[in-house]
Amino acid sequence: MKNTEKPETKHGTKKRKIGFYIGIGTAIGAGIGAAIGNIGVGIGVGVAIGAGIGVALKRKRNG
């Protein structure tokens, strides 16, 4: 590789993907929280679910 060439970058790193699922979980949790009347509880549950999905998919991919 010449000095003028840029190194290849990986897109969609593991941390970003887990963060993606946490973000989706937060949004879903806010909706659930609004439905039950307690947005704080809904967001907390959504973050936990999103993190769980992200970690489970990471473990599944790594074997």
C-alpha atoms as a PDB file:
ATOM      1  CA  MET A   1       0.000   0.000   0.000  1.00  0.00           C
ATOM      2  CA  LYS A   2       1.361   3.387  -0.931  1.00  0.00           C
ATOM      3  CA  ASN A   3       1.411   6.248   1.525  1.00  0.00           C
ATOM      4  CA  THR A   4      -1.132   8.148  -0.560  1.00  0.00           C
ATOM      5  CA  GLU A   5      -3.771   5.395  -0.324  1.00  0.00           C
ATOM      6  CA  LYS A   6      -6.285   5.496   2.486  1.00  0.00           C
ATOM      7  CA  PRO A   7      -6.604   2.377   4.646  1.00  0.00           C
ATOM      8  CA  GLU A   8      -9.848   0.475   4.327  1.00  0.00           C
ATOM      9  CA  THR A   9     -12.341   1.264   7.054  1.00  0.00           C
ATOM     10  CA  LYS A  10     -14.902  -1.056   8.526  1.00  0.00           C
ATOM     11  CA  HIS A  11     -18.447   0.208   8.472  1.00  0.00           C
ATOM     12  CA  GLY A  12     -20.999  -0.910  11.015  1.00  0.00           C
ATOM     13  CA  THR A  13     -18.729  -1.718  13.931  1.00  0.00           C
ATOM     14  CA  LYS A  14     -20.070  -3.818  16.770  1.00  0.00           C
ATOM     15  CA  LYS A  15     -20.452  -0.885  19.150  1.00  0.00           C
ATOM     16  CA  ARG A  16     -22.437   1.034  16.575  1.00  0.00           C
ATOM     17  CA  LYS A  17     -24.771  -1.895  15.962  1.00  0.00           C
ATOM     18  CA  ILE A  18     -25.460  -2.363  19.670  1.00  0.00           C
ATOM     19  CA  GLY A  19     -26.118   1.377  19.917  1.00  0.00           C
ATOM     20  CA  PHE A  20     -28.524   1.090  17.003  1.00  0.00           C
ATOM     21  CA  TYR A  21     -30.584  -1.527  18.830  1.00  0.00           C
ATOM     22  CA  ILE A  22     -30.476   0.502  22.058  1.00  0.00           C
ATOM     23  CA  GLY A  23     -31.827   3.493  20.118  1.00  0.00           C
ATOM     24  CA  ILE A  24     -34.640   1.468  18.604  1.00  0.00           C
ATOM     25  CA  GLY A  25     -35.384  -0.072  22.001  1.00  0.00           C
ATOM     26  CA  THR A  26     -35.594   3.390  23.541  1.00  0.00           C
ATOM     27  CA  ALA A  27     -38.072   4.542  20.905  1.00  0.00           C
ATOM     28  CA  ILE A  28     -40.216   1.437  21.307  1.00  0.00           C
ATOM     29  CA  GLY A  29     -39.996   1.734  25.093  1.00  0.00           C
ATOM     30  CA  ALA A  30     -41.150   5.353  24.958  1.00  0.00           C
ATOM     31  CA  GLY A  31     -44.184   4.255  22.970  1.00  0.00           C
ATOM     32  CA  ILE A  32     -44.952   1.484  25.448  1.00  0.00           C
ATOM     33  CA  GLY A  33     -44.413   3.891  28.331  1.00  0.00           C
ATOM     34  CA  ALA A  34     -46.833   6.387  26.821  1.00  0.00           C
ATOM     35  CA  ALA A  35     -49.385   3.613  26.437  1.00  0.00           C
ATOM     36  CA  ILE A  36     -49.106   2.547  30.088  1.00  0.00           C
ATOM     37  CA  GLY A  37     -48.814   6.122  31.357  1.00  0.00           C
ATOM     38  CA  ASN A  38     -45.217   6.002  32.628  1.00  0.00           C
ATOM     39  CA  ILE A  39     -42.690   7.037  29.978  1.00  0.00           C
ATOM     40  CA  GLY A  40     -39.677   6.645  32.318  1.00  0.00           C
ATOM     41  CA  VAL A  41     -40.400   2.971  32.927  1.00  0.00           C
ATOM     42  CA  GLY A  42     -41.067   2.397  29.230  1.00  0.00           C
ATOM     43  CA  ILE A  43     -37.757   3.967  28.186  1.00  0.00           C
ATOM     44  CA  GLY A  44     -35.864   1.923  30.792  1.00  0.00           C
ATOM     45  CA  VAL A  45     -37.453  -1.296  29.583  1.00  0.00           C
ATOM     46  CA  GLY A  46     -36.811  -0.320  25.955  1.00  0.00           C
ATOM     47  CA  VAL A  47     -33.099   0.335  26.588  1.00  0.00           C
ATOM     48  CA  ALA A  48     -32.758  -3.009  28.360  1.00  0.00           C
ATOM     49  CA  ILE A  49     -34.496  -4.851  25.525  1.00  0.00           C
ATOM     50  CA  GLY A  50     -32.431  -3.048  22.879  1.00  0.00           C
ATOM     51  CA  ALA A  51     -29.157  -3.811  24.662  1.00  0.00           C
ATOM     52  CA  GLY A  52     -30.191  -7.440  25.068  1.00  0.00           C
ATOM     53  CA  ILE A  53     -30.962  -7.790  21.364  1.00  0.00           C
ATOM     54  CA  GLY A  54     -27.678  -6.136  20.371  1.00  0.00           C
ATOM     55  CA  VAL A  55     -25.576  -8.324  22.669  1.00  0.00           C
ATOM     56  CA  ALA A  56     -27.430 -11.487  21.628  1.00  0.00           C
ATOM     57  CA  LEU A  57     -26.833 -10.760  17.937  1.00  0.00           C
ATOM     58  CA  LYS A  58     -23.160 -10.020  18.643  1.00  0.00           C
ATOM     59  CA  ARG A  59     -22.750 -13.358  20.457  1.00  0.00           C
ATOM     60  CA  LYS A  60     -24.613 -15.210  17.710  1.00  0.00           C
ATOM     61  CA  ARG A  61     -22.279 -13.795  15.068  1.00  0.00           C
ATOM     62  CA  ASN A  62     -19.132 -14.546  17.098  1.00  0.00           C
ATOM     63  CA  GLY A  63     -20.271 -18.088  17.840  1.00  0.00           C
END
